[in-house]
Amino acid sequence: MPRPRLPSNVLELRGAFKKHPERRRQDPAGAAEFKREPPPHLPQGAVSAWRYLVERLPKVAITSSDEIAVEVCAGLLAKYWLSSELDTLKELRQWLGKLGMTPGDRARLPSAPPDPQNPYSAL
């Protein structure tokens, strides 16, 4: 199974386009800033789960196009808090991984953008 493609902003932060800037691609539209307020249609348990997740999301690569994933993850987290079902936990773990909230997935995200003034920051 091939590795999933990384968003351009993650590749940019990693310095992937320094050697070959022609490889830079445009990500699909909708890469606006992530809204921190929960959608109005979420049930009350999912609203508290949304706020819990948003406080802990890695801010490096999250955009407005990830709001649906956070919404699904919040619903699963609220369901897990109520029932502690193993199937819910497995699905929740997959969604948390997609958002970079597991240790292995978080290690793949860049910690911060390299400083353009520092010639050694990309090393």
PDB file of N, CA and C in Angstrom:
ATOM      1  N   MET A   1       0.841  -1.170   0.000  1.00  0.00           N
ATOM      2  CA  MET A   1       0.000   0.000   0.000  1.00  0.00           C
ATOM      3  C   MET A   1       0.892   1.241   0.000  1.00  0.00           C
ATOM      4  N   PRO A   2       0.674   2.175  -0.906  1.00  0.00           N
ATOM      5  CA  PRO A   2       1.534   3.363  -0.966  1.00  0.00           C
ATOM      6  C   PRO A   2       1.251   4.308   0.191  1.00  0.00           C
ATOM      7  N   ARG A   3       2.266   5.118   0.494  1.00  0.00           N
ATOM      8  CA  ARG A   3       2.102   6.128   1.533  1.00  0.00           C
ATOM      9  C   ARG A   3       1.140   7.210   1.060  1.00  0.00           C
ATOM     10  N   PRO A   4       0.296   7.724   1.940  1.00  0.00           N
ATOM     11  CA  PRO A   4      -0.587   8.824   1.533  1.00  0.00           C
ATOM     12  C   PRO A   4       0.216  10.094   1.255  1.00  0.00           C
ATOM     13  N   ARG A   5      -0.291  10.905   0.348  1.00  0.00           N
ATOM     14  CA  ARG A   5       0.388  12.145  -0.002  1.00  0.00           C
ATOM     15  C   ARG A   5       0.279  13.153   1.129  1.00  0.00           C
ATOM     16  N   LEU A   6       1.328  13.885   1.339  1.00  0.00           N
ATOM     17  CA  LEU A   6       1.341  14.913   2.362  1.00  0.00           C
ATOM     18  C   LEU A   6       0.865  16.235   1.771  1.00  0.00           C
ATOM     19  N   PRO A   7       0.182  17.048   2.566  1.00  0.00           N
ATOM     20  CA  PRO A   7      -0.224  18.367   2.074  1.00  0.00           C
ATOM     21  C   PRO A   7       0.994  19.225   1.759  1.00  0.00           C
ATOM     22  N   SER A   8       0.832  20.157   0.847  1.00  0.00           N
ATOM     23  CA  SER A   8       1.943  21.018   0.433  1.00  0.00           C
ATOM     24  C   SER A   8       2.490  21.854   1.573  1.00  0.00           C
ATOM     25  N   ASN A   9       1.605  22.278   2.495  1.00  0.00           N
ATOM     26  CA  ASN A   9       2.119  23.110   3.585  1.00  0.00           C
ATOM     27  C   ASN A   9       3.030  22.301   4.507  1.00  0.00           C
ATOM     28  N   VAL A  10       2.777  21.013   4.682  1.00  0.00           N
ATOM     29  CA  VAL A  10       3.663  20.165   5.484  1.00  0.00           C
ATOM     30  C   VAL A  10       4.983  19.967   4.751  1.00  0.00           C
ATOM     31  N   LEU A  11       4.914  19.713   3.449  1.00  0.00           N
ATOM     32  CA  LEU A  11       6.139  19.557   2.658  1.00  0.00           C
ATOM     33  C   LEU A  11       6.958  20.848   2.658  1.00  0.00           C
ATOM     34  N   GLU A  12       6.266  21.980   2.590  1.00  0.00           N
ATOM     35  CA  GLU A  12       6.949  23.274   2.613  1.00  0.00           C
ATOM     36  C   GLU A  12       7.684  23.472   3.939  1.00  0.00           C
ATOM     37  N   LEU A  13       7.019  23.114   5.045  1.00  0.00           N
ATOM     38  CA  LEU A  13       7.645  23.263   6.361  1.00  0.00           C
ATOM     39  C   LEU A  13       8.843  22.336   6.516  1.00  0.00           C
ATOM     40  N   ARG A  14       8.813  21.203   5.870  1.00  0.00           N
ATOM     41  CA  ARG A  14       9.931  20.259   5.931  1.00  0.00           C
ATOM     42  C   ARG A  14      11.067  20.648   5.002  1.00  0.00           C
ATOM     43  N   GLY A  15      10.845  21.615   4.134  1.00  0.00           N
ATOM     44  CA  GLY A  15      11.880  22.057   3.219  1.00  0.00           C
ATOM     45  C   GLY A  15      12.010  21.186   1.984  1.00  0.00           C
ATOM     46  N   ALA A  16      10.933  20.519   1.583  1.00  0.00           N
ATOM     47  CA  ALA A  16      10.991  19.587   0.465  1.00  0.00           C
ATOM     48  C   ALA A  16      11.168  20.276  -0.886  1.00  0.00           C
ATOM     49  N   PHE A  17      10.864  21.561  -0.985  1.00  0.00           N
ATOM     50  CA  PHE A  17      10.922  22.237  -2.282  1.00  0.00           C
ATOM     51  C   PHE A  17      12.174  23.088  -2.452  1.00  0.00           C
ATOM     52  N   LYS A  18      13.117  22.995  -1.533  1.00  0.00           N
ATOM     53  CA  LYS A  18      14.324  23.811  -1.648  1.00  0.00           C
ATOM     54  C   LYS A  18      15.164  23.400  -2.845  1.00  0.00           C
ATOM     55  N   LYS A  19      15.347  22.105  -3.018  1.00  0.00           N
ATOM     56  CA  LYS A  19      16.173  21.617  -4.115  1.00  0.00           C
ATOM     57  C   LYS A  19      15.430  21.652  -5.445  1.00  0.00           C
ATOM     58  N   HIS A  20      14.141  21.306  -5.416  1.00  0.00           N
ATOM     59  CA  HIS A  20      13.328  21.229  -6.637  1.00  0.00           C
ATOM     60  C   HIS A  20      12.045  22.035  -6.457  1.00  0.00           C
ATOM     61  N   PRO A  21      12.097  23.363  -6.574  1.00  0.00           N
ATOM     62  CA  PRO A  21      10.884  24.176  -6.373  1.00  0.00           C
ATOM     63  C   PRO A  21       9.814  23.908  -7.421  1.00  0.00           C
ATOM     64  N   GLU A  22      10.174  23.336  -8.555  1.00  0.00           N
ATOM     65  CA  GLU A  22       9.188  23.047  -9.600  1.00  0.00           C
ATOM     66  C   GLU A  22       8.229  21.931  -9.199  1.00  0.00           C
ATOM     67  N   ARG A  23       8.548  21.190  -8.158  1.00  0.00           N
ATOM     68  CA  ARG A  23       7.674  20.104  -7.693  1.00  0.00           C
ATOM     69  C   ARG A  23       6.531  20.602  -6.816  1.00  0.00           C
ATOM     70  N   ARG A  24       6.572  21.873  -6.446  1.00  0.00           N
ATOM     71  CA  ARG A  24       5.522  22.436  -5.602  1.00  0.00           C
ATOM     72  C   ARG A  24       4.186  22.352  -6.330  1.00  0.00           C
ATOM     73  N   ARG A  25       3.168  21.896  -5.630  1.00  0.00           N
ATOM     74  CA  ARG A  25       1.837  21.788  -6.220  1.00  0.00           C
ATOM     75  C   ARG A  25       0.871  22.597  -5.370  1.00  0.00           C
ATOM     76  N   GLN A  26      -0.245  22.910  -5.940  1.00  0.00           N
ATOM     77  CA  GLN A  26      -1.273  23.623  -5.204  1.00  0.00           C
ATOM     78  C   GLN A  26      -2.233  22.606  -4.597  1.00  0.00           C
ATOM     79  N   ASP A  27      -2.498  22.746  -3.323  1.00  0.00           N
ATOM     80  CA  ASP A  27      -3.502  21.904  -2.688  1.00  0.00           C
ATOM     81  C   ASP A  27      -4.886  22.400  -3.081  1.00  0.00           C
ATOM     82  N   PRO A  28      -5.889  21.561  -2.965  1.00  0.00           N
ATOM     83  CA  PRO A  28      -7.245  21.999  -3.313  1.00  0.00           C
ATOM     84  C   PRO A  28      -7.675  23.209  -2.490  1.00  0.00           C
ATOM     85  N   ALA A  29      -8.631  23.934  -3.016  1.00  0.00           N
ATOM     86  CA  ALA A  29      -9.137  25.115  -2.323  1.00  0.00           C
ATOM     87  C   ALA A  29      -9.751  24.714  -0.980  1.00  0.00           C
ATOM     88  N   GLY A  30      -9.903  25.666  -0.115  1.00  0.00           N
ATOM     89  CA  GLY A  30     -10.495  25.391   1.191  1.00  0.00           C
ATOM     90  C   GLY A  30      -9.452  25.321   2.281  1.00  0.00           C
ATOM     91  N   ALA A  31      -8.270  25.828   2.014  1.00  0.00           N
ATOM     92  CA  ALA A  31      -7.200  25.776   2.997  1.00  0.00           C
ATOM     93  C   ALA A  31      -7.187  27.042   3.854  1.00  0.00           C
ATOM     94  N   ALA A  32      -8.365  27.509   4.203  1.00  0.00           N
ATOM     95  CA  ALA A  32      -8.450  28.694   5.057  1.00  0.00           C
ATOM     96  C   ALA A  32      -8.106  28.315   6.492  1.00  0.00           C
ATOM     97  N   GLU A  33      -8.068  29.295   7.345  1.00  0.00           N
ATOM     98  CA  GLU A  33      -7.720  29.060   8.739  1.00  0.00           C
ATOM     99  C   GLU A  33      -8.808  28.238   9.439  1.00  0.00           C
ATOM    100  N   PHE A  34      -8.392  27.374  10.330  1.00  0.00           N
ATOM    101  CA  PHE A  34      -9.298  26.496  11.070  1.00  0.00           C
ATOM    102  C   PHE A  34     -10.088  27.301  12.090  1.00  0.00           C
ATOM    103  N   LYS A  35     -11.415  27.122  12.088  1.00  0.00           N
ATOM    104  CA  LYS A  35     -12.265  27.812  13.069  1.00  0.00           C
ATOM    105  C   LYS A  35     -12.280  27.001  14.357  1.00  0.00           C
ATOM    106  N   ARG A  36     -12.091  27.666  15.458  1.00  0.00           N
ATOM    107  CA  ARG A  36     -11.989  26.964  16.737  1.00  0.00           C
ATOM    108  C   ARG A  36     -13.351  26.733  17.395  1.00  0.00           C
ATOM    109  N   GLU A  37     -14.401  27.370  16.909  1.00  0.00           N
ATOM    110  CA  GLU A  37     -15.726  27.193  17.498  1.00  0.00           C
ATOM    111  C   GLU A  37     -16.432  25.984  16.888  1.00  0.00           C
ATOM    112  N   PRO A  38     -17.142  25.196  17.710  1.00  0.00           N
ATOM    113  CA  PRO A  38     -17.830  24.018  17.188  1.00  0.00           C
ATOM    114  C   PRO A  38     -19.011  24.410  16.302  1.00  0.00           C
ATOM    115  N   PRO A  39     -19.354  23.564  15.337  1.00  0.00           N
ATOM    116  CA  PRO A  39     -20.522  23.839  14.506  1.00  0.00           C
ATOM    117  C   PRO A  39     -21.799  23.834  15.357  1.00  0.00           C
ATOM    118  N   PRO A  40     -22.792  24.606  14.980  1.00  0.00           N
ATOM    119  CA  PRO A  40     -23.997  24.708  15.814  1.00  0.00           C
ATOM    120  C   PRO A  40     -24.832  23.422  15.847  1.00  0.00           C
ATOM    121  N   HIS A  41     -24.664  22.530  14.898  1.00  0.00           N
ATOM    122  CA  HIS A  41     -25.504  21.332  14.844  1.00  0.00           C
ATOM    123  C   HIS A  41     -24.964  20.169  15.684  1.00  0.00           C
ATOM    124  N   LEU A  42     -23.826  20.335  16.336  1.00  0.00           N
ATOM    125  CA  LEU A  42     -23.269  19.255  17.154  1.00  0.00           C
ATOM    126  C   LEU A  42     -24.089  19.061  18.429  1.00  0.00           C
ATOM    127  N   PRO A  43     -24.311  17.801  18.852  1.00  0.00           N
ATOM    128  CA  PRO A  43     -24.958  17.570  20.150  1.00  0.00           C
ATOM    129  C   PRO A  43     -24.052  18.033  21.294  1.00  0.00           C
ATOM    130  N   GLN A  44     -24.607  18.209  22.475  1.00  0.00           N
ATOM    131  CA  GLN A  44     -23.868  18.792  23.594  1.00  0.00           C
ATOM    132  C   GLN A  44     -22.621  17.980  23.950  1.00  0.00           C
ATOM    133  N   GLY A  45     -22.692  16.646  23.996  1.00  0.00           N
ATOM    134  CA  GLY A  45     -21.527  15.827  24.318  1.00  0.00           C
ATOM    135  C   GLY A  45     -20.418  15.988  23.296  1.00  0.00           C
ATOM    136  N   ALA A  46     -20.813  16.125  22.038  1.00  0.00           N
ATOM    137  CA  ALA A  46     -19.822  16.293  20.976  1.00  0.00           C
ATOM    138  C   ALA A  46     -19.202  17.692  21.018  1.00  0.00           C
ATOM    139  N   VAL A  47     -19.930  18.672  21.531  1.00  0.00           N
ATOM    140  CA  VAL A  47     -19.382  20.029  21.644  1.00  0.00           C
ATOM    141  C   VAL A  47     -18.233  20.037  22.645  1.00  0.00           C
ATOM    142  N   SER A  48     -18.427  19.378  23.786  1.00  0.00           N
ATOM    143  CA  SER A  48     -17.334  19.336  24.761  1.00  0.00           C
ATOM    144  C   SER A  48     -16.155  18.525  24.229  1.00  0.00           C
ATOM    145  N   ALA A  49     -16.441  17.460  23.463  1.00  0.00           N
ATOM    146  CA  ALA A  49     -15.361  16.680  22.845  1.00  0.00           C
ATOM    147  C   ALA A  49     -14.638  17.523  21.789  1.00  0.00           C
ATOM    148  N   TRP A  50     -15.385  18.344  21.024  1.00  0.00           N
ATOM    149  CA  TRP A  50     -14.786  19.232  20.027  1.00  0.00           C
ATOM    150  C   TRP A  50     -13.794  20.179  20.702  1.00  0.00           C
ATOM    151  N   ARG A  51     -14.230  20.813  21.780  1.00  0.00           N
ATOM    152  CA  ARG A  51     -13.357  21.758  22.474  1.00  0.00           C
ATOM    153  C   ARG A  51     -12.125  21.054  23.049  1.00  0.00           C
ATOM    154  N   TYR A  52     -12.321  19.856  23.549  1.00  0.00           N
ATOM    155  CA  TYR A  52     -11.212  19.063  24.080  1.00  0.00           C
ATOM    156  C   TYR A  52     -10.194  18.765  22.979  1.00  0.00           C
ATOM    157  N   LEU A  53     -10.681  18.367  21.795  1.00  0.00           N
ATOM    158  CA  LEU A  53      -9.788  18.040  20.676  1.00  0.00           C
ATOM    159  C   LEU A  53      -9.083  19.285  20.132  1.00  0.00           C
ATOM    160  N   VAL A  54      -9.829  20.374  19.972  1.00  0.00           N
ATOM    161  CA  VAL A  54      -9.260  21.587  19.369  1.00  0.00           C
ATOM    162  C   VAL A  54      -8.133  22.141  20.229  1.00  0.00           C
ATOM    163  N   GLU A  55      -8.245  22.006  21.546  1.00  0.00           N
ATOM    164  CA  GLU A  55      -7.161  22.464  22.421  1.00  0.00           C
ATOM    165  C   GLU A  55      -5.878  21.672  22.190  1.00  0.00           C
ATOM    166  N   ARG A  56      -6.011  20.417  21.753  1.00  0.00           N
ATOM    167  CA  ARG A  56      -4.866  19.524  21.644  1.00  0.00           C
ATOM    168  C   ARG A  56      -4.412  19.256  20.208  1.00  0.00           C
ATOM    169  N   LEU A  57      -5.106  19.796  19.227  1.00  0.00           N
ATOM    170  CA  LEU A  57      -4.729  19.565  17.825  1.00  0.00           C
ATOM    171  C   LEU A  57      -3.367  20.162  17.515  1.00  0.00           C
ATOM    172  N   PRO A  58      -2.534  19.442  16.750  1.00  0.00           N
ATOM    173  CA  PRO A  58      -1.295  20.076  16.282  1.00  0.00           C
ATOM    174  C   PRO A  58      -1.647  21.152  15.251  1.00  0.00           C
ATOM    175  N   LYS A  59      -1.277  22.365  15.511  1.00  0.00           N
ATOM    176  CA  LYS A  59      -1.697  23.510  14.689  1.00  0.00           C
ATOM    177  C   LYS A  59      -0.918  23.633  13.379  1.00  0.00           C
ATOM    178  N   VAL A  60       0.074  22.801  13.168  1.00  0.00           N
ATOM    179  CA  VAL A  60       0.966  22.955  12.024  1.00  0.00           C
ATOM    180  C   VAL A  60       0.246  22.770  10.697  1.00  0.00           C
ATOM    181  N   ALA A  61      -0.573  21.738  10.577  1.00  0.00           N
ATOM    182  CA  ALA A  61      -1.145  21.421   9.267  1.00  0.00           C
ATOM    183  C   ALA A  61      -2.661  21.395   9.258  1.00  0.00           C
ATOM    184  N   ILE A  62      -3.323  21.900  10.272  1.00  0.00           N
ATOM    185  CA  ILE A  62      -4.780  21.862  10.345  1.00  0.00           C
ATOM    186  C   ILE A  62      -5.342  23.114   9.670  1.00  0.00           C
ATOM    187  N   THR A  63      -6.294  22.911   8.732  1.00  0.00           N
ATOM    188  CA  THR A  63      -6.944  24.019   8.042  1.00  0.00           C
ATOM    189  C   THR A  63      -8.455  23.836   8.122  1.00  0.00           C
ATOM    190  N   SER A  64      -9.190  24.721   7.486  1.00  0.00           N
ATOM    191  CA  SER A  64     -10.648  24.648   7.522  1.00  0.00           C
ATOM    192  C   SER A  64     -11.177  23.387   6.842  1.00  0.00           C
ATOM    193  N   SER A  65     -10.426  22.809   5.944  1.00  0.00           N
ATOM    194  CA  SER A  65     -10.890  21.591   5.280  1.00  0.00           C
ATOM    195  C   SER A  65     -10.846  20.381   6.210  1.00  0.00           C
ATOM    196  N   ASP A  66     -10.242  20.522   7.384  1.00  0.00           N
ATOM    197  CA  ASP A  66     -10.194  19.433   8.350  1.00  0.00           C
ATOM    198  C   ASP A  66     -11.330  19.488   9.363  1.00  0.00           C
ATOM    199  N   GLU A  67     -12.227  20.454   9.235  1.00  0.00           N
ATOM    200  CA  GLU A  67     -13.299  20.606  10.222  1.00  0.00           C
ATOM    201  C   GLU A  67     -14.220  19.390  10.264  1.00  0.00           C
ATOM    202  N   ILE A  68     -14.491  18.782   9.134  1.00  0.00           N
ATOM    203  CA  ILE A  68     -15.367  17.603   9.120  1.00  0.00           C
ATOM    204  C   ILE A  68     -14.685  16.449   9.839  1.00  0.00           C
ATOM    205  N   ALA A  69     -13.393  16.277   9.627  1.00  0.00           N
ATOM    206  CA  ALA A  69     -12.667  15.215  10.320  1.00  0.00           C
ATOM    207  C   ALA A  69     -12.679  15.447  11.830  1.00  0.00           C
ATOM    208  N   VAL A  70     -12.525  16.691  12.252  1.00  0.00           N
ATOM    209  CA  VAL A  70     -12.573  17.002  13.681  1.00  0.00           C
ATOM    210  C   VAL A  70     -13.986  16.763  14.214  1.00  0.00           C
ATOM    211  N   GLU A  71     -14.995  17.072  13.412  1.00  0.00           N
ATOM    212  CA  GLU A  71     -16.387  16.843  13.817  1.00  0.00           C
ATOM    213  C   GLU A  71     -16.663  15.352  14.003  1.00  0.00           C
ATOM    214  N   VAL A  72     -16.211  14.536  13.062  1.00  0.00           N
ATOM    215  CA  VAL A  72     -16.394  13.085  13.175  1.00  0.00           C
ATOM    216  C   VAL A  72     -15.641  12.555  14.386  1.00  0.00           C
ATOM    217  N   CYS A  73     -14.428  13.029  14.570  1.00  0.00           N
ATOM    218  CA  CYS A  73     -13.608  12.600  15.698  1.00  0.00           C
ATOM    219  C   CYS A  73     -14.252  13.013  17.025  1.00  0.00           C
ATOM    220  N   ALA A  74     -14.831  14.193  17.082  1.00  0.00           N
ATOM    221  CA  ALA A  74     -15.502  14.654  18.299  1.00  0.00           C
ATOM    222  C   ALA A  74     -16.715  13.790  18.610  1.00  0.00           C
ATOM    223  N   GLY A  75     -17.468  13.423  17.575  1.00  0.00           N
ATOM    224  CA  GLY A  75     -18.614  12.535  17.783  1.00  0.00           C
ATOM    225  C   GLY A  75     -18.192  11.170  18.299  1.00  0.00           C
ATOM    226  N   LEU A  76     -17.107  10.633  17.743  1.00  0.00           N
ATOM    227  CA  LEU A  76     -16.607   9.337  18.206  1.00  0.00           C
ATOM    228  C   LEU A  76     -16.062   9.425  19.631  1.00  0.00           C
ATOM    229  N   LEU A  77     -15.381  10.526  19.946  1.00  0.00           N
ATOM    230  CA  LEU A  77     -14.851  10.693  21.293  1.00  0.00           C
ATOM    231  C   LEU A  77     -15.980  10.805  22.312  1.00  0.00           C
ATOM    232  N   ALA A  78     -17.037  11.552  21.980  1.00  0.00           N
ATOM    233  CA  ALA A  78     -18.188  11.661  22.879  1.00  0.00           C
ATOM    234  C   ALA A  78     -18.849  10.292  23.066  1.00  0.00           C
ATOM    235  N   LYS A  79     -18.958   9.527  21.989  1.00  0.00           N
ATOM    236  CA  LYS A  79     -19.536   8.178  22.076  1.00  0.00           C
ATOM    237  C   LYS A  79     -18.660   7.268  22.933  1.00  0.00           C
ATOM    238  N   TYR A  80     -17.347   7.386  22.785  1.00  0.00           N
ATOM    239  CA  TYR A  80     -16.438   6.564  23.586  1.00  0.00           C
ATOM    240  C   TYR A  80     -16.510   6.944  25.066  1.00  0.00           C
ATOM    241  N   TRP A  81     -16.621   8.246  25.350  1.00  0.00           N
ATOM    242  CA  TRP A  81     -16.732   8.676  26.741  1.00  0.00           C
ATOM    243  C   TRP A  81     -17.968   8.092  27.409  1.00  0.00           C
ATOM    244  N   LEU A  82     -19.052   7.919  26.633  1.00  0.00           N
ATOM    245  CA  LEU A  82     -20.292   7.397  27.203  1.00  0.00           C
ATOM    246  C   LEU A  82     -20.298   5.873  27.321  1.00  0.00           C
ATOM    247  N   SER A  83     -19.691   5.179  26.347  1.00  0.00           N
ATOM    248  CA  SER A  83     -19.857   3.724  26.302  1.00  0.00           C
ATOM    249  C   SER A  83     -18.576   2.927  26.488  1.00  0.00           C
ATOM    250  N   SER A  84     -17.435   3.478  26.168  1.00  0.00           N
ATOM    251  CA  SER A  84     -16.139   2.783  26.225  1.00  0.00           C
ATOM    252  C   SER A  84     -16.112   1.516  25.383  1.00  0.00           C
ATOM    253  N   GLU A  85     -16.816   1.519  24.252  1.00  0.00           N
ATOM    254  CA  GLU A  85     -16.828   0.359  23.358  1.00  0.00           C
ATOM    255  C   GLU A  85     -15.489   0.237  22.650  1.00  0.00           C
ATOM    256  N   LEU A  86     -15.033  -1.009  22.477  1.00  0.00           N
ATOM    257  CA  LEU A  86     -13.753  -1.246  21.828  1.00  0.00           C
ATOM    258  C   LEU A  86     -13.791  -0.884  20.348  1.00  0.00           C
ATOM    259  N   ASP A  87     -14.924  -1.143  19.673  1.00  0.00           N
ATOM    260  CA  ASP A  87     -15.034  -0.790  18.253  1.00  0.00           C
ATOM    261  C   ASP A  87     -14.955   0.720  18.058  1.00  0.00           C
ATOM    262  N   THR A  88     -15.575   1.466  18.964  1.00  0.00           N
ATOM    263  CA  THR A  88     -15.510   2.925  18.886  1.00  0.00           C
ATOM    264  C   THR A  88     -14.087   3.396  19.107  1.00  0.00           C
ATOM    265  N   LEU A  89     -13.389   2.753  20.031  1.00  0.00           N
ATOM    266  CA  LEU A  89     -12.005   3.128  20.312  1.00  0.00           C
ATOM    267  C   LEU A  89     -11.110   2.888  19.098  1.00  0.00           C
ATOM    268  N   LYS A  90     -11.316   1.786  18.385  1.00  0.00           N
ATOM    269  CA  LYS A  90     -10.505   1.498  17.196  1.00  0.00           C
ATOM    270  C   LYS A  90     -10.734   2.546  16.116  1.00  0.00           C
ATOM    271  N   GLU A  91     -12.002   2.894  15.886  1.00  0.00           N
ATOM    272  CA  GLU A  91     -12.299   3.897  14.866  1.00  0.00           C
ATOM    273  C   GLU A  91     -11.794   5.273  15.293  1.00  0.00           C
ATOM    274  N   LEU A  92     -11.924   5.585  16.578  1.00  0.00           N
ATOM    275  CA  LEU A  92     -11.429   6.856  17.102  1.00  0.00           C
ATOM    276  C   LEU A  92      -9.920   6.967  16.913  1.00  0.00           C
ATOM    277  N   ARG A  93      -9.206   5.889  17.163  1.00  0.00           N
ATOM    278  CA  ARG A  93      -7.754   5.899  16.994  1.00  0.00           C
ATOM    279  C   ARG A  93      -7.365   6.180  15.540  1.00  0.00           C
ATOM    280  N   GLN A  94      -8.110   5.615  14.593  1.00  0.00           N
ATOM    281  CA  GLN A  94      -7.825   5.876  13.182  1.00  0.00           C
ATOM    282  C   GLN A  94      -8.023   7.358  12.849  1.00  0.00           C
ATOM    283  N   TRP A  95      -9.118   7.944  13.334  1.00  0.00           N
ATOM    284  CA  TRP A  95      -9.379   9.357  13.058  1.00  0.00           C
ATOM    285  C   TRP A  95      -8.381  10.253  13.758  1.00  0.00           C
ATOM    286  N   LEU A  96      -7.991   9.888  14.980  1.00  0.00           N
ATOM    287  CA  LEU A  96      -6.977  10.680  15.678  1.00  0.00           C
ATOM    288  C   LEU A  96      -5.655  10.652  14.918  1.00  0.00           C
ATOM    289  N   GLY A  97      -5.330   9.500  14.322  1.00  0.00           N
ATOM    290  CA  GLY A  97      -4.116   9.390  13.521  1.00  0.00           C
ATOM    291  C   GLY A  97      -4.164  10.277  12.294  1.00  0.00           C
ATOM    292  N   LYS A  98      -5.340  10.378  11.672  1.00  0.00           N
ATOM    293  CA  LYS A  98      -5.469  11.238  10.495  1.00  0.00           C
ATOM    294  C   LYS A  98      -5.270  12.710  10.847  1.00  0.00           C
ATOM    295  N   LEU A  99      -5.577  13.066  12.083  1.00  0.00           N
ATOM    296  CA  LEU A  99      -5.401  14.454  12.527  1.00  0.00           C
ATOM    297  C   LEU A  99      -4.038  14.696  13.154  1.00  0.00           C
ATOM    298  N   GLY A 100      -3.179  13.682  13.199  1.00  0.00           N
ATOM    299  CA  GLY A 100      -1.844  13.827  13.763  1.00  0.00           C
ATOM    300  C   GLY A 100      -1.842  13.841  15.281  1.00  0.00           C
ATOM    301  N   MET A 101      -2.797  13.137  15.897  1.00  0.00           N
ATOM    302  CA  MET A 101      -2.915  13.178  17.347  1.00  0.00           C
ATOM    303  C   MET A 101      -2.479  11.891  18.035  1.00  0.00           C
ATOM    304  N   THR A 102      -1.805  11.002  17.317  1.00  0.00           N
ATOM    305  CA  THR A 102      -1.201   9.829  17.947  1.00  0.00           C
ATOM    306  C   THR A 102       0.309  10.039  17.925  1.00  0.00           C
ATOM    307  N   PRO A 103       1.051   9.409  18.818  1.00  0.00           N
ATOM    308  CA  PRO A 103       2.500   9.656  18.868  1.00  0.00           C
ATOM    309  C   PRO A 103       3.212   9.385  17.542  1.00  0.00           C
ATOM    310  N   GLY A 104       2.869   8.307  16.868  1.00  0.00           N
ATOM    311  CA  GLY A 104       3.531   7.997  15.600  1.00  0.00           C
ATOM    312  C   GLY A 104       3.206   8.993  14.504  1.00  0.00           C
ATOM    313  N   ASP A 105       1.949   9.397  14.427  1.00  0.00           N
ATOM    314  CA  ASP A 105       1.545  10.358  13.401  1.00  0.00           C
ATOM    315  C   ASP A 105       2.042  11.767  13.715  1.00  0.00           C
ATOM    316  N   ARG A 106       2.102  12.105  14.986  1.00  0.00           N
ATOM    317  CA  ARG A 106       2.594  13.423  15.381  1.00  0.00           C
ATOM    318  C   ARG A 106       4.088  13.564  15.080  1.00  0.00           C
ATOM    319  N   ALA A 107       4.815  12.454  15.162  1.00  0.00           N
ATOM    320  CA  ALA A 107       6.251  12.502  14.875  1.00  0.00           C
ATOM    321  C   ALA A 107       6.522  12.821  13.410  1.00  0.00           C
ATOM    322  N   ARG A 108       5.565  12.561  12.545  1.00  0.00           N
ATOM    323  CA  ARG A 108       5.740  12.842  11.113  1.00  0.00           C
ATOM    324  C   ARG A 108       5.471  14.295  10.759  1.00  0.00           C
ATOM    325  N   LEU A 109       4.838  15.029  11.674  1.00  0.00           N
ATOM    326  CA  LEU A 109       4.547  16.437  11.413  1.00  0.00           C
ATOM    327  C   LEU A 109       5.748  17.300  11.769  1.00  0.00           C
ATOM    328  N   PRO A 110       5.980  18.364  11.038  1.00  0.00           N
ATOM    329  CA  PRO A 110       7.061  19.277  11.429  1.00  0.00           C
ATOM    330  C   PRO A 110       6.659  20.027  12.690  1.00  0.00           C
ATOM    331  N   SER A 111       7.618  20.305  13.536  1.00  0.00           N
ATOM    332  CA  SER A 111       7.294  20.975  14.795  1.00  0.00           C
ATOM    333  C   SER A 111       7.051  22.466  14.598  1.00  0.00           C
ATOM    334  N   ALA A 112       7.789  23.087  13.714  1.00  0.00           N
ATOM    335  CA  ALA A 112       7.625  24.522  13.451  1.00  0.00           C
ATOM    336  C   ALA A 112       8.244  24.832  12.104  1.00  0.00           C
ATOM    337  N   PRO A 113       7.808  25.911  11.465  1.00  0.00           N
ATOM    338  CA  PRO A 113       8.417  26.274  10.192  1.00  0.00           C
ATOM    339  C   PRO A 113       9.868  26.688  10.389  1.00  0.00           C
ATOM    340  N   PRO A 114      10.744  26.340   9.443  1.00  0.00           N
ATOM    341  CA  PRO A 114      12.134  26.758   9.568  1.00  0.00           C
ATOM    342  C   PRO A 114      12.257  28.272   9.463  1.00  0.00           C
ATOM    343  N   ASP A 115      13.193  28.810  10.190  1.00  0.00           N
ATOM    344  CA  ASP A 115      13.428  30.249  10.191  1.00  0.00           C
ATOM    345  C   ASP A 115      14.191  30.617   8.914  1.00  0.00           C
ATOM    346  N   PRO A 116      13.617  31.460   8.034  1.00  0.00           N
ATOM    347  CA  PRO A 116      14.314  31.811   6.790  1.00  0.00           C
ATOM    348  C   PRO A 116      15.584  32.615   7.020  1.00  0.00           C
ATOM    349  N   GLN A 117      15.708  33.284   8.166  1.00  0.00           N
ATOM    350  CA  GLN A 117      16.902  34.069   8.470  1.00  0.00           C
ATOM    351  C   GLN A 117      18.074  33.218   8.946  1.00  0.00           C
ATOM    352  N   ASN A 118      17.779  32.018   9.423  1.00  0.00           N
ATOM    353  CA  ASN A 118      18.808  31.134   9.950  1.00  0.00           C
ATOM    354  C   ASN A 118      19.222  30.127   8.875  1.00  0.00           C
ATOM    355  N   PRO A 119      20.439  30.174   8.356  1.00  0.00           N
ATOM    356  CA  PRO A 119      20.836  29.246   7.289  1.00  0.00           C
ATOM    357  C   PRO A 119      20.949  27.800   7.776  1.00  0.00           C
ATOM    358  N   TYR A 120      21.004  27.575   9.080  1.00  0.00           N
ATOM    359  CA  TYR A 120      21.161  26.228   9.600  1.00  0.00           C
ATOM    360  C   TYR A 120      19.848  25.617  10.088  1.00  0.00           C
ATOM    361  N   SER A 121      18.741  26.326   9.972  1.00  0.00           N
ATOM    362  CA  SER A 121      17.489  25.831  10.526  1.00  0.00           C
ATOM    363  C   SER A 121      16.935  24.638   9.760  1.00  0.00           C
ATOM    364  N   ALA A 122      17.288  24.463   8.511  1.00  0.00           N
ATOM    365  CA  ALA A 122      16.753  23.360   7.709  1.00  0.00           C
ATOM    366  C   ALA A 122      17.584  22.093   7.864  1.00  0.00           C
ATOM    367  N   LEU A 123      18.693  22.154   8.577  1.00  0.00           N
ATOM    368  CA  LEU A 123      19.554  20.982   8.733  1.00  0.00           C
ATOM    369  C   LEU A 123      19.017  19.986   9.698  1.00  0.00           C
TER     370      LEU A 123
END
